[in-house]
PDB file of all heavy atoms in Angstrom:
ATOM      1  N   ASP A   1      29.727 -72.320 -50.328  1.00  0.00           N
ATOM      2  CA  ASP A   1      30.163 -72.759 -49.003  1.00  0.00           C
ATOM      3  C   ASP A   1      29.641 -71.863 -47.917  1.00  0.00           C
ATOM      4  O   ASP A   1      29.189 -72.344 -46.901  1.00  0.00           O
ATOM      5  CB  ASP A   1      31.674 -72.729 -48.933  1.00  0.00           C
ATOM      6  CG  ASP A   1      32.327 -73.532 -47.803  1.00  0.00           C
ATOM      7  OD1 ASP A   1      31.697 -74.624 -47.486  1.00  0.00           O
ATOM      8  OD2 ASP A   1      33.332 -73.141 -47.313  1.00  0.00           O
ATOM      9  N   LEU A   2      29.592 -70.598 -48.169  1.00  0.00           N
ATOM     10  CA  LEU A   2      29.121 -69.639 -47.107  1.00  0.00           C
ATOM     11  C   LEU A   2      27.529 -69.561 -47.070  1.00  0.00           C
ATOM     12  O   LEU A   2      26.916 -69.003 -46.139  1.00  0.00           O
ATOM     13  CB  LEU A   2      29.752 -68.282 -47.274  1.00  0.00           C
ATOM     14  CG  LEU A   2      31.160 -68.172 -47.019  1.00  0.00           C
ATOM     15  CD1 LEU A   2      31.773 -66.752 -47.260  1.00  0.00           C
ATOM     16  CD2 LEU A   2      31.570 -68.690 -45.640  1.00  0.00           C
ATOM     17  N   LYS A   3      26.898 -69.928 -48.156  1.00  0.00           N
ATOM     18  CA  LYS A   3      25.432 -69.967 -48.374  1.00  0.00           C
ATOM     19  C   LYS A   3      24.790 -68.571 -48.220  1.00  0.00           C
ATOM     20  O   LYS A   3      23.740 -68.422 -47.620  1.00  0.00           O
ATOM     21  CB  LYS A   3      24.839 -70.865 -47.354  1.00  0.00           C
ATOM     22  CG  LYS A   3      25.277 -72.320 -47.510  1.00  0.00           C
ATOM     23  CD  LYS A   3      24.758 -73.192 -46.439  1.00  0.00           C
ATOM     24  CE  LYS A   3      25.079 -74.686 -46.513  1.00  0.00           C
ATOM     25  NZ  LYS A   3      26.347 -75.070 -46.765  1.00  0.00           N
ATOM     26  N   CYS A   4      25.430 -67.505 -48.740  1.00  0.00           N
ATOM     27  CA  CYS A   4      24.923 -66.172 -48.749  1.00  0.00           C
ATOM     28  C   CYS A   4      25.608 -65.357 -49.735  1.00  0.00           C
ATOM     29  O   CYS A   4      26.703 -65.746 -50.234  1.00  0.00           O
ATOM     30  CB  CYS A   4      24.968 -65.615 -47.371  1.00  0.00           C
ATOM     31  SG  CYS A   4      26.646 -65.300 -46.795  1.00  0.00           S
ATOM     32  N   GLY A   5      25.114 -64.196 -50.078  1.00  0.00           N
ATOM     33  CA  GLY A   5      25.752 -63.202 -50.918  1.00  0.00           C
ATOM     34  C   GLY A   5      25.440 -63.422 -52.415  1.00  0.00           C
ATOM     35  O   GLY A   5      24.629 -64.359 -52.830  1.00  0.00           O
ATOM     36  N   SER A   6      26.037 -62.617 -53.207  1.00  0.00           N
ATOM     37  CA  SER A   6      25.831 -62.612 -54.667  1.00  0.00           C
ATOM     38  C   SER A   6      27.099 -62.318 -55.400  1.00  0.00           C
ATOM     39  O   SER A   6      28.028 -61.747 -54.861  1.00  0.00           O
ATOM     40  CB  SER A   6      24.758 -61.688 -55.109  1.00  0.00           C
ATOM     41  OG  SER A   6      25.106 -60.348 -54.757  1.00  0.00           O
ATOM     42  N   ILE A   7      27.169 -62.865 -56.622  1.00  0.00           N
ATOM     43  CA  ILE A   7      28.310 -62.666 -57.498  1.00  0.00           C
ATOM     44  C   ILE A   7      28.025 -61.878 -58.691  1.00  0.00           C
ATOM     45  O   ILE A   7      26.988 -62.067 -59.280  1.00  0.00           O
ATOM     46  CB  ILE A   7      28.945 -63.994 -57.860  1.00  0.00           C
ATOM     47  CG1 ILE A   7      29.548 -64.681 -56.633  1.00  0.00           C
ATOM     48  CG2 ILE A   7      30.060 -63.777 -58.942  1.00  0.00           C
ATOM     49  CD1 ILE A   7      30.024 -66.135 -56.942  1.00  0.00           C
ATOM     50  N   ARG A   8      28.774 -60.908 -59.044  1.00  0.00           N
ATOM     51  CA  ARG A   8      28.562 -60.143 -60.283  1.00  0.00           C
ATOM     52  C   ARG A   8      29.907 -59.894 -61.018  1.00  0.00           C
ATOM     53  O   ARG A   8      30.943 -59.716 -60.346  1.00  0.00           O
ATOM     54  CB  ARG A   8      27.771 -58.942 -60.067  1.00  0.00           C
ATOM     55  CG  ARG A   8      28.508 -57.749 -59.467  1.00  0.00           C
ATOM     56  CD  ARG A   8      27.618 -56.502 -59.360  1.00  0.00           C
ATOM     57  NE  ARG A   8      28.351 -55.528 -58.686  1.00  0.00           N
ATOM     58  CZ  ARG A   8      28.283 -54.243 -58.976  1.00  0.00           C
ATOM     59  NH1 ARG A   8      27.558 -53.829 -59.958  1.00  0.00           N
ATOM     60  NH2 ARG A   8      29.116 -53.363 -58.387  1.00  0.00           N
ATOM     61  N   GLU A   9      29.777 -59.913 -62.310  1.00  0.00           N
ATOM     62  CA  GLU A   9      30.969 -59.544 -63.091  1.00  0.00           C
ATOM     63  C   GLU A   9      31.003 -58.062 -63.305  1.00  0.00           C
ATOM     64  O   GLU A   9      29.983 -57.477 -63.748  1.00  0.00           O
ATOM     65  CB  GLU A   9      31.022 -60.292 -64.464  1.00  0.00           C
ATOM     66  CG  GLU A   9      31.211 -61.842 -64.213  1.00  0.00           C
ATOM     67  CD  GLU A   9      31.364 -62.527 -65.584  1.00  0.00           C
ATOM     68  OE1 GLU A   9      32.004 -61.942 -66.490  1.00  0.00           O
ATOM     69  OE2 GLU A   9      30.823 -63.597 -65.656  1.00  0.00           O
ATOM     70  N   LYS A  10      32.099 -57.488 -63.098  1.00  0.00           N
ATOM     71  CA  LYS A  10      32.246 -55.992 -63.398  1.00  0.00           C
ATOM     72  C   LYS A  10      32.908 -55.818 -64.777  1.00  0.00           C
ATOM     73  O   LYS A  10      33.451 -56.780 -65.310  1.00  0.00           O
ATOM     74  CB  LYS A  10      33.132 -55.355 -62.292  1.00  0.00           C
ATOM     75  CG  LYS A  10      32.443 -55.515 -60.960  1.00  0.00           C
ATOM     76  CD  LYS A  10      33.269 -54.916 -59.794  1.00  0.00           C
ATOM     77  CE  LYS A  10      33.143 -53.486 -59.821  1.00  0.00           C
ATOM     78  NZ  LYS A  10      33.733 -52.794 -58.734  1.00  0.00           N
ATOM     79  N   SER A  11      32.824 -54.711 -65.295  1.00  0.00           N
ATOM     80  CA  SER A  11      33.369 -54.423 -66.630  1.00  0.00           C
ATOM     81  C   SER A  11      34.889 -54.452 -66.715  1.00  0.00           C
ATOM     82  O   SER A  11      35.398 -54.585 -67.891  1.00  0.00           O
ATOM     83  CB  SER A  11      32.855 -53.086 -67.110  1.00  0.00           C
ATOM     84  OG  SER A  11      33.233 -52.044 -66.291  1.00  0.00           O
ATOM     85  N   ASP A  12      35.609 -54.368 -65.651  1.00  0.00           N
ATOM     86  CA  ASP A  12      37.026 -54.257 -65.753  1.00  0.00           C
ATOM     87  C   ASP A  12      37.762 -55.574 -65.440  1.00  0.00           C
ATOM     88  O   ASP A  12      38.755 -55.686 -64.813  1.00  0.00           O
ATOM     89  CB  ASP A  12      37.566 -53.223 -64.782  1.00  0.00           C
ATOM     90  CG  ASP A  12      36.966 -53.393 -63.377  1.00  0.00           C
ATOM     91  OD1 ASP A  12      36.199 -54.309 -63.097  1.00  0.00           O
ATOM     92  OD2 ASP A  12      37.413 -52.646 -62.439  1.00  0.00           O
ATOM     93  N   HIS A  13      37.212 -56.650 -65.967  1.00  0.00           N
ATOM     94  CA  HIS A  13      37.723 -58.096 -65.800  1.00  0.00           C
ATOM     95  C   HIS A  13      37.787 -58.521 -64.317  1.00  0.00           C
ATOM     96  O   HIS A  13      38.644 -59.417 -64.046  1.00  0.00           O
ATOM     97  CB  HIS A  13      39.148 -58.179 -66.472  1.00  0.00           C
ATOM     98  CG  HIS A  13      39.065 -57.749 -67.907  1.00  0.00           C
ATOM     99  ND1 HIS A  13      38.516 -58.534 -68.853  1.00  0.00           N
ATOM    100  CD2 HIS A  13      39.591 -56.688 -68.523  1.00  0.00           C
ATOM    101  CE1 HIS A  13      38.659 -57.899 -70.091  1.00  0.00           C
ATOM    102  NE2 HIS A  13      39.293 -56.797 -69.811  1.00  0.00           N
ATOM    103  N   VAL A  14      36.986 -57.852 -63.548  1.00  0.00           N
ATOM    104  CA  VAL A  14      36.935 -58.264 -62.132  1.00  0.00           C
ATOM    105  C   VAL A  14      35.598 -58.907 -61.774  1.00  0.00           C
ATOM    106  O   VAL A  14      34.547 -58.458 -62.285  1.00  0.00           O
ATOM    107  CB  VAL A  14      37.251 -57.074 -61.230  1.00  0.00           C
ATOM    108  CG1 VAL A  14      37.027 -57.335 -59.740  1.00  0.00           C
ATOM    109  CG2 VAL A  14      38.603 -56.591 -61.508  1.00  0.00           C
ATOM    110  N   VAL A  15      35.645 -59.872 -60.914  1.00  0.00           N
ATOM    111  CA  VAL A  15      34.369 -60.463 -60.396  1.00  0.00           C
ATOM    112  C   VAL A  15      34.307 -60.140 -58.946  1.00  0.00           C
ATOM    113  O   VAL A  15      35.294 -60.187 -58.207  1.00  0.00           O
ATOM    114  CB  VAL A  15      34.382 -62.073 -60.618  1.00  0.00           C
ATOM    115  CG1 VAL A  15      33.020 -62.623 -60.048  1.00  0.00           C
ATOM    116  CG2 VAL A  15      34.501 -62.402 -62.119  1.00  0.00           C
ATOM    117  N   GLU A  16      33.128 -59.784 -58.493  1.00  0.00           N
ATOM    118  CA  GLU A  16      33.019 -59.517 -57.052  1.00  0.00           C
ATOM    119  C   GLU A  16      31.963 -60.435 -56.395  1.00  0.00           C
ATOM    120  O   GLU A  16      30.904 -60.725 -57.037  1.00  0.00           O
ATOM    121  CB  GLU A  16      32.774 -58.059 -56.789  1.00  0.00           C
ATOM    122  CG  GLU A  16      31.318 -57.609 -57.223  1.00  0.00           C
ATOM    123  CD  GLU A  16      31.059 -56.155 -56.878  1.00  0.00           C
ATOM    124  OE1 GLU A  16      31.885 -55.489 -56.172  1.00  0.00           O
ATOM    125  OE2 GLU A  16      30.021 -55.595 -57.349  1.00  0.00           O
ATOM    126  N   TYR A  17      32.350 -60.873 -55.238  1.00  0.00           N
ATOM    127  CA  TYR A  17      31.375 -61.675 -54.378  1.00  0.00           C
ATOM    128  C   TYR A  17      31.059 -60.771 -53.238  1.00  0.00           C
ATOM    129  O   TYR A  17      31.928 -60.418 -52.405  1.00  0.00           O
ATOM    130  CB  TYR A  17      32.020 -62.995 -53.988  1.00  0.00           C
ATOM    131  CG  TYR A  17      31.238 -63.785 -52.924  1.00  0.00           C
ATOM    132  CD1 TYR A  17      29.875 -63.831 -52.864  1.00  0.00           C
ATOM    133  CD2 TYR A  17      31.956 -64.295 -51.786  1.00  0.00           C
ATOM    134  CE1 TYR A  17      29.216 -64.508 -51.830  1.00  0.00           C
ATOM    135  CE2 TYR A  17      31.293 -65.035 -50.832  1.00  0.00           C
ATOM    136  CZ  TYR A  17      29.927 -65.092 -50.903  1.00  0.00           C
ATOM    137  OH  TYR A  17      29.262 -65.777 -49.872  1.00  0.00           O
ATOM    138  N   VAL A  18      29.838 -60.314 -53.088  1.00  0.00           N
ATOM    139  CA  VAL A  18      29.453 -59.447 -52.018  1.00  0.00           C
ATOM    140  C   VAL A  18      28.357 -60.078 -51.113  1.00  0.00           C
ATOM    141  O   VAL A  18      27.355 -60.614 -51.562  1.00  0.00           O
ATOM    142  CB  VAL A  18      28.873 -58.105 -52.615  1.00  0.00           C
ATOM    143  CG1 VAL A  18      28.438 -57.114 -51.597  1.00  0.00           C
ATOM    144  CG2 VAL A  18      29.957 -57.445 -53.566  1.00  0.00           C
ATOM    145  N   ILE A  19      28.662 -59.897 -49.816  1.00  0.00           N
ATOM    146  CA  ILE A  19      27.726 -60.311 -48.841  1.00  0.00           C
ATOM    147  C   ILE A  19      27.133 -59.067 -48.130  1.00  0.00           C
ATOM    148  O   ILE A  19      27.919 -58.210 -47.692  1.00  0.00           O
ATOM    149  CB  ILE A  19      28.408 -61.198 -47.661  1.00  0.00           C
ATOM    150  CG1 ILE A  19      29.041 -62.417 -48.369  1.00  0.00           C
ATOM    151  CG2 ILE A  19      27.498 -61.550 -46.556  1.00  0.00           C
ATOM    152  CD1 ILE A  19      30.051 -63.165 -47.488  1.00  0.00           C
ATOM    153  N   THR A  20      25.806 -58.876 -48.193  1.00  0.00           N
ATOM    154  CA  THR A  20      25.249 -57.665 -47.793  1.00  0.00           C
ATOM    155  C   THR A  20      24.112 -58.048 -46.709  1.00  0.00           C
ATOM    156  O   THR A  20      23.476 -59.109 -46.926  1.00  0.00           O
ATOM    157  CB  THR A  20      24.573 -56.876 -48.895  1.00  0.00           C
ATOM    158  OG1 THR A  20      25.642 -56.523 -49.804  1.00  0.00           O
ATOM    159  CG2 THR A  20      23.948 -55.583 -48.477  1.00  0.00           C
ATOM    160  N   GLY A  21      23.856 -57.213 -45.795  1.00  0.00           N
ATOM    161  CA  GLY A  21      22.896 -57.425 -44.769  1.00  0.00           C
ATOM    162  C   GLY A  21      23.440 -57.630 -43.398  1.00  0.00           C
ATOM    163  O   GLY A  21      24.508 -58.153 -43.271  1.00  0.00           O
ATOM    164  N   ALA A  22      22.658 -57.184 -42.394  1.00  0.00           N
ATOM    165  CA  ALA A  22      23.209 -57.120 -41.022  1.00  0.00           C
ATOM    166  C   ALA A  22      23.594 -58.572 -40.564  1.00  0.00           C
ATOM    167  O   ALA A  22      24.672 -58.733 -40.004  1.00  0.00           O
ATOM    168  CB  ALA A  22      22.009 -56.587 -40.135  1.00  0.00           C
ATOM    169  N   ASP A  23      22.666 -59.550 -40.678  1.00  0.00           N
ATOM    170  CA  ASP A  23      22.935 -60.783 -40.036  1.00  0.00           C
ATOM    171  C   ASP A  23      24.117 -61.570 -40.733  1.00  0.00           C
ATOM    172  O   ASP A  23      25.045 -62.041 -40.052  1.00  0.00           O
ATOM    173  CB  ASP A  23      21.656 -61.683 -40.131  1.00  0.00           C
ATOM    174  CG  ASP A  23      20.647 -61.129 -39.127  1.00  0.00           C
ATOM    175  OD1 ASP A  23      21.012 -60.465 -38.170  1.00  0.00           O
ATOM    176  OD2 ASP A  23      19.404 -61.519 -39.290  1.00  0.00           O
ATOM    177  N   PRO A  24      24.184 -61.673 -42.089  1.00  0.00           N
ATOM    178  CA  PRO A  24      25.270 -62.468 -42.671  1.00  0.00           C
ATOM    179  C   PRO A  24      26.612 -61.673 -42.400  1.00  0.00           C
ATOM    180  O   PRO A  24      27.693 -62.322 -42.207  1.00  0.00           O
ATOM    181  CB  PRO A  24      24.993 -62.503 -44.138  1.00  0.00           C
ATOM    182  CG  PRO A  24      23.783 -61.748 -44.380  1.00  0.00           C
ATOM    183  CD  PRO A  24      23.127 -61.450 -43.087  1.00  0.00           C
ATOM    184  N   VAL A  25      26.614 -60.364 -42.556  1.00  0.00           N
ATOM    185  CA  VAL A  25      27.844 -59.593 -42.321  1.00  0.00           C
ATOM    186  C   VAL A  25      28.317 -59.772 -40.919  1.00  0.00           C
ATOM    187  O   VAL A  25      29.516 -59.986 -40.623  1.00  0.00           O
ATOM    188  CB  VAL A  25      27.649 -58.105 -42.745  1.00  0.00           C
ATOM    189  CG1 VAL A  25      28.818 -57.216 -42.243  1.00  0.00           C
ATOM    190  CG2 VAL A  25      27.460 -58.058 -44.225  1.00  0.00           C
ATOM    191  N   LYS A  26      27.420 -59.631 -39.977  1.00  0.00           N
ATOM    192  CA  LYS A  26      27.794 -59.776 -38.549  1.00  0.00           C
ATOM    193  C   LYS A  26      28.348 -61.175 -38.307  1.00  0.00           C
ATOM    194  O   LYS A  26      29.354 -61.296 -37.596  1.00  0.00           O
ATOM    195  CB  LYS A  26      26.598 -59.446 -37.649  1.00  0.00           C
ATOM    196  CG  LYS A  26      26.872 -59.593 -36.210  1.00  0.00           C
ATOM    197  CD  LYS A  26      25.616 -59.253 -35.369  1.00  0.00           C
ATOM    198  CE  LYS A  26      25.925 -59.406 -33.871  1.00  0.00           C
ATOM    199  NZ  LYS A  26      24.834 -59.109 -33.084  1.00  0.00           N
ATOM    200  N   ASN A  27      27.676 -62.177 -38.792  1.00  0.00           N
ATOM    201  CA  ASN A  27      28.053 -63.536 -38.590  1.00  0.00           C
ATOM    202  C   ASN A  27      29.520 -63.790 -39.072  1.00  0.00           C
ATOM    203  O   ASN A  27      30.344 -64.312 -38.345  1.00  0.00           O
ATOM    204  CB  ASN A  27      27.082 -64.516 -39.225  1.00  0.00           C
ATOM    205  CG  ASN A  27      27.366 -65.949 -38.937  1.00  0.00           C
ATOM    206  OD1 ASN A  27      28.567 -66.432 -38.937  1.00  0.00           O
ATOM    207  ND2 ASN A  27      26.377 -66.699 -38.659  1.00  0.00           N
ATOM    208  N   LEU A  28      29.781 -63.299 -40.290  1.00  0.00           N
ATOM    209  CA  LEU A  28      31.108 -63.571 -40.870  1.00  0.00           C
ATOM    210  C   LEU A  28      32.126 -62.759 -40.103  1.00  0.00           C
ATOM    211  O   LEU A  28      33.210 -63.226 -39.738  1.00  0.00           O
ATOM    212  CB  LEU A  28      31.182 -63.246 -42.322  1.00  0.00           C
ATOM    213  CG  LEU A  28      32.499 -63.535 -43.058  1.00  0.00           C
ATOM    214  CD1 LEU A  28      32.945 -64.919 -42.899  1.00  0.00           C
ATOM    215  CD2 LEU A  28      32.367 -63.130 -44.558  1.00  0.00           C
ATOM    216  N   LEU A  29      31.868 -61.485 -39.831  1.00  0.00           N
ATOM    217  CA  LEU A  29      32.849 -60.638 -39.133  1.00  0.00           C
ATOM    218  C   LEU A  29      33.157 -61.187 -37.789  1.00  0.00           C
ATOM    219  O   LEU A  29      34.401 -61.184 -37.349  1.00  0.00           O
ATOM    220  CB  LEU A  29      32.416 -59.219 -39.035  1.00  0.00           C
ATOM    221  CG  LEU A  29      32.361 -58.421 -40.335  1.00  0.00           C
ATOM    222  CD1 LEU A  29      31.904 -56.995 -40.105  1.00  0.00           C
ATOM    223  CD2 LEU A  29      33.760 -58.366 -40.986  1.00  0.00           C
ATOM    224  N   LEU A  30      32.169 -61.603 -37.071  1.00  0.00           N
ATOM    225  CA  LEU A  30      32.456 -62.213 -35.674  1.00  0.00           C
ATOM    226  C   LEU A  30      33.356 -63.412 -35.791  1.00  0.00           C
ATOM    227  O   LEU A  30      34.105 -63.631 -34.853  1.00  0.00           O
ATOM    228  CB  LEU A  30      31.148 -62.490 -34.995  1.00  0.00           C
ATOM    229  CG  LEU A  30      30.308 -61.322 -34.444  1.00  0.00           C
ATOM    230  CD1 LEU A  30      28.990 -61.749 -33.895  1.00  0.00           C
ATOM    231  CD2 LEU A  30      31.084 -60.526 -33.436  1.00  0.00           C
ATOM    232  N   GLN A  31      33.211 -64.084 -36.808  1.00  0.00           N
ATOM    233  CA  GLN A  31      34.047 -65.347 -36.984  1.00  0.00           C
ATOM    234  C   GLN A  31      35.466 -65.073 -37.413  1.00  0.00           C
ATOM    235  O   GLN A  31      36.416 -65.757 -37.050  1.00  0.00           O
ATOM    236  CB  GLN A  31      33.392 -66.362 -37.999  1.00  0.00           C
ATOM    237  CG  GLN A  31      32.079 -67.000 -37.533  1.00  0.00           C
ATOM    238  CD  GLN A  31      31.654 -68.090 -38.452  1.00  0.00           C
ATOM    239  OE1 GLN A  31      32.381 -69.151 -38.494  1.00  0.00           O
ATOM    240  NE2 GLN A  31      30.537 -67.901 -39.152  1.00  0.00           N
ATOM    241  N   ILE A  32      35.668 -63.984 -38.210  1.00  0.00           N
ATOM    242  CA  ILE A  32      37.084 -63.818 -38.726  1.00  0.00           C
ATOM    243  C   ILE A  32      37.733 -62.547 -38.157  1.00  0.00           C
ATOM    244  O   ILE A  32      38.915 -62.440 -38.391  1.00  0.00           O
ATOM    245  CB  ILE A  32      37.035 -63.653 -40.278  1.00  0.00           C
ATOM    246  CG1 ILE A  32      36.265 -62.374 -40.734  1.00  0.00           C
ATOM    247  CG2 ILE A  32      36.424 -64.901 -40.888  1.00  0.00           C
ATOM    248  CD1 ILE A  32      36.409 -62.121 -42.221  1.00  0.00           C
ATOM    249  N   LYS A  33      37.089 -61.723 -37.344  1.00  0.00           N
ATOM    250  CA  LYS A  33      37.734 -60.409 -36.925  1.00  0.00           C
ATOM    251  C   LYS A  33      39.045 -60.637 -36.231  1.00  0.00           C
ATOM    252  O   LYS A  33      39.995 -59.793 -36.364  1.00  0.00           O
ATOM    253  CB  LYS A  33      36.769 -59.537 -36.222  1.00  0.00           C
ATOM    254  CG  LYS A  33      36.438 -59.950 -34.806  1.00  0.00           C
ATOM    255  CD  LYS A  33      35.489 -58.992 -34.154  1.00  0.00           C
ATOM    256  CE  LYS A  33      35.174 -59.485 -32.768  1.00  0.00           C
ATOM    257  NZ  LYS A  33      35.778 -58.719 -31.687  1.00  0.00           N
ATOM    258  N   ASP A  34      39.184 -61.629 -35.423  1.00  0.00           N
ATOM    259  CA  ASP A  34      40.413 -61.841 -34.669  1.00  0.00           C
ATOM    260  C   ASP A  34      41.557 -62.248 -35.552  1.00  0.00           C
ATOM    261  O   ASP A  34      42.718 -62.177 -35.098  1.00  0.00           O
ATOM    262  CB  ASP A  34      40.161 -62.959 -33.593  1.00  0.00           C
ATOM    263  CG  ASP A  34      39.185 -62.422 -32.479  1.00  0.00           C
ATOM    264  OD1 ASP A  34      39.075 -61.175 -32.306  1.00  0.00           O
ATOM    265  OD2 ASP A  34      38.603 -63.252 -31.812  1.00  0.00           O
ATOM    266  N   TYR A  35      41.282 -62.644 -36.811  1.00  0.00           N
ATOM    267  CA  TYR A  35      42.318 -62.995 -37.718  1.00  0.00           C
ATOM    268  C   TYR A  35      42.675 -61.910 -38.724  1.00  0.00           C
ATOM    269  O   TYR A  35      43.628 -61.940 -39.489  1.00  0.00           O
ATOM    270  CB  TYR A  35      41.924 -64.294 -38.525  1.00  0.00           C
ATOM    271  CG  TYR A  35      41.652 -65.487 -37.643  1.00  0.00           C
ATOM    272  CD1 TYR A  35      40.363 -65.656 -37.207  1.00  0.00           C
ATOM    273  CD2 TYR A  35      42.613 -66.275 -37.327  1.00  0.00           C
ATOM    274  CE1 TYR A  35      40.149 -66.790 -36.270  1.00  0.00           C
ATOM    275  CE2 TYR A  35      42.401 -67.392 -36.526  1.00  0.00           C
ATOM    276  CZ  TYR A  35      41.178 -67.643 -36.040  1.00  0.00           C
ATOM    277  OH  TYR A  35      40.891 -68.793 -35.158  1.00  0.00           O
ATOM    278  N   LEU A  36      41.875 -60.821 -38.702  1.00  0.00           N
ATOM    279  CA  LEU A  36      42.161 -59.687 -39.648  1.00  0.00           C
ATOM    280  C   LEU A  36      43.323 -58.913 -39.079  1.00  0.00           C
ATOM    281  O   LEU A  36      43.577 -58.801 -37.923  1.00  0.00           O
ATOM    282  CB  LEU A  36      40.873 -58.792 -39.720  1.00  0.00           C
ATOM    283  CG  LEU A  36      39.647 -59.333 -40.404  1.00  0.00           C
ATOM    284  CD1 LEU A  36      38.458 -58.481 -40.199  1.00  0.00           C
ATOM    285  CD2 LEU A  36      39.974 -59.504 -41.993  1.00  0.00           C
ATOM    286  N   VAL A  37      44.003 -58.322 -40.066  1.00  0.00           N
ATOM    287  CA  VAL A  37      45.146 -57.411 -39.761  1.00  0.00           C
ATOM    288  C   VAL A  37      44.815 -56.046 -40.327  1.00  0.00           C
ATOM    289  O   VAL A  37      44.611 -55.044 -39.546  1.00  0.00           O
ATOM    290  CB  VAL A  37      46.472 -57.914 -40.260  1.00  0.00           C
ATOM    291  CG1 VAL A  37      47.535 -56.886 -39.937  1.00  0.00           C
ATOM    292  CG2 VAL A  37      46.767 -59.249 -39.639  1.00  0.00           C
ATOM    293  N   LEU A  38      44.779 -55.909 -41.633  1.00  0.00           N
ATOM    294  CA  LEU A  38      44.523 -54.527 -42.263  1.00  0.00           C
ATOM    295  C   LEU A  38      43.130 -54.057 -42.041  1.00  0.00           C
ATOM    296  O   LEU A  38      42.938 -52.813 -42.015  1.00  0.00           O
ATOM    297  CB  LEU A  38      44.807 -54.694 -43.734  1.00  0.00           C
ATOM    298  CG  LEU A  38      46.270 -55.125 -44.131  1.00  0.00           C
ATOM    299  CD1 LEU A  38      46.469 -55.316 -45.650  1.00  0.00           C
ATOM    300  CD2 LEU A  38      47.258 -53.948 -43.682  1.00  0.00           C
ATOM    301  N   LYS A  39      42.110 -54.861 -42.007  1.00  0.00           N
ATOM    302  CA  LYS A  39      40.769 -54.409 -42.041  1.00  0.00           C
ATOM    303  C   LYS A  39      40.032 -54.684 -40.702  1.00  0.00           C
ATOM    304  O   LYS A  39      38.835 -54.634 -40.549  1.00  0.00           O
ATOM    305  CB  LYS A  39      39.995 -55.097 -43.097  1.00  0.00           C
ATOM    306  CG  LYS A  39      40.585 -54.634 -44.491  1.00  0.00           C
ATOM    307  CD  LYS A  39      39.757 -55.017 -45.661  1.00  0.00           C
ATOM    308  CE  LYS A  39      40.345 -54.336 -46.880  1.00  0.00           C
ATOM    309  NZ  LYS A  39      41.455 -54.909 -47.490  1.00  0.00           N
ATOM    310  N   LYS A  40      40.854 -54.858 -39.581  1.00  0.00           N
ATOM    311  CA  LYS A  40      40.328 -55.081 -38.318  1.00  0.00           C
ATOM    312  C   LYS A  40      39.449 -53.843 -37.856  1.00  0.00           C
ATOM    313  O   LYS A  40      38.411 -54.005 -37.247  1.00  0.00           O
ATOM    314  CB  LYS A  40      41.337 -55.414 -37.194  1.00  0.00           C
ATOM    315  CG  LYS A  40      40.785 -55.837 -35.889  1.00  0.00           C
ATOM    316  CD  LYS A  40      41.869 -56.169 -34.899  1.00  0.00           C
ATOM    317  CE  LYS A  40      42.539 -57.453 -35.228  1.00  0.00           C
ATOM    318  NZ  LYS A  40      41.970 -58.576 -34.702  1.00  0.00           N
ATOM    319  N   ARG A  41      40.068 -52.672 -38.076  1.00  0.00           N
ATOM    320  CA  ARG A  41      39.249 -51.461 -37.640  1.00  0.00           C
ATOM    321  C   ARG A  41      37.915 -51.297 -38.365  1.00  0.00           C
ATOM    322  O   ARG A  41      36.921 -50.986 -37.693  1.00  0.00           O
ATOM    323  CB  ARG A  41      40.144 -50.209 -37.908  1.00  0.00           C
ATOM    324  CG  ARG A  41      41.361 -50.173 -36.906  1.00  0.00           C
ATOM    325  CD  ARG A  41      42.297 -49.107 -37.092  1.00  0.00           C
ATOM    326  NE  ARG A  41      41.846 -47.771 -37.357  1.00  0.00           N
ATOM    327  CZ  ARG A  41      42.489 -46.775 -37.932  1.00  0.00           C
ATOM    328  NH1 ARG A  41      43.794 -47.079 -38.359  1.00  0.00           N
ATOM    329  NH2 ARG A  41      42.024 -45.649 -38.104  1.00  0.00           N
ATOM    330  N   GLN A  42      37.899 -51.540 -39.643  1.00  0.00           N
ATOM    331  CA  GLN A  42      36.646 -51.599 -40.399  1.00  0.00           C
ATOM    332  C   GLN A  42      35.692 -52.581 -39.786  1.00  0.00           C
ATOM    333  O   GLN A  42      34.466 -52.243 -39.671  1.00  0.00           O
ATOM    334  CB  GLN A  42      36.842 -51.867 -41.878  1.00  0.00           C
ATOM    335  CG  GLN A  42      37.554 -50.720 -42.630  1.00  0.00           C
ATOM    336  CD  GLN A  42      39.010 -50.984 -42.772  1.00  0.00           C
ATOM    337  OE1 GLN A  42      39.707 -51.358 -41.826  1.00  0.00           O
ATOM    338  NE2 GLN A  42      39.506 -50.634 -43.945  1.00  0.00           N
ATOM    339  N   ALA A  43      36.127 -53.728 -39.515  1.00  0.00           N
ATOM    340  CA  ALA A  43      35.277 -54.862 -39.007  1.00  0.00           C
ATOM    341  C   ALA A  43      34.643 -54.333 -37.674  1.00  0.00           C
ATOM    342  O   ALA A  43      33.494 -54.531 -37.438  1.00  0.00           O
ATOM    343  CB  ALA A  43      36.077 -56.131 -38.848  1.00  0.00           C
ATOM    344  N   ASN A  44      35.517 -53.783 -36.814  1.00  0.00           N
ATOM    345  CA  ASN A  44      35.032 -53.418 -35.500  1.00  0.00           C
ATOM    346  C   ASN A  44      33.954 -52.259 -35.570  1.00  0.00           C
ATOM    347  O   ASN A  44      32.964 -52.295 -34.928  1.00  0.00           O
ATOM    348  CB  ASN A  44      36.203 -53.029 -34.525  1.00  0.00           C
ATOM    349  CG  ASN A  44      36.929 -54.233 -34.099  1.00  0.00           C
ATOM    350  OD1 ASN A  44      36.386 -55.330 -33.871  1.00  0.00           O
ATOM    351  ND2 ASN A  44      38.256 -54.112 -33.844  1.00  0.00           N
ATOM    352  N   LEU A  45      34.216 -51.347 -36.478  1.00  0.00           N
ATOM    353  CA  LEU A  45      33.267 -50.237 -36.728  1.00  0.00           C
ATOM    354  C   LEU A  45      31.990 -50.742 -37.285  1.00  0.00           C
ATOM    355  O   LEU A  45      30.886 -50.276 -36.880  1.00  0.00           O
ATOM    356  CB  LEU A  45      33.942 -49.222 -37.710  1.00  0.00           C
ATOM    357  CG  LEU A  45      34.876 -48.212 -37.021  1.00  0.00           C
ATOM    358  CD1 LEU A  45      35.589 -47.436 -38.156  1.00  0.00           C
ATOM    359  CD2 LEU A  45      34.164 -47.277 -36.135  1.00  0.00           C
ATOM    360  N   VAL A  46      32.046 -51.687 -38.252  1.00  0.00           N
ATOM    361  CA  VAL A  46      30.843 -52.261 -38.809  1.00  0.00           C
ATOM    362  C   VAL A  46      30.022 -53.005 -37.763  1.00  0.00           C
ATOM    363  O   VAL A  46      28.790 -52.837 -37.694  1.00  0.00           O
ATOM    364  CB  VAL A  46      31.009 -53.087 -40.112  1.00  0.00           C
ATOM    365  CG1 VAL A  46      29.831 -53.870 -40.458  1.00  0.00           C
ATOM    366  CG2 VAL A  46      31.464 -52.201 -41.234  1.00  0.00           C
TER     367      VAL A  46
END
């Protein structure tokens, strides 16, 4: 759906979906930052 990022399985029964890179991270953060509560400070710093 988001058309970016990668998925990898970790050894502890966890799967992670990571979006890396300036443009995709900026795009997503600008779209969701006003809805964040716990991670709003991290979003603004990034």
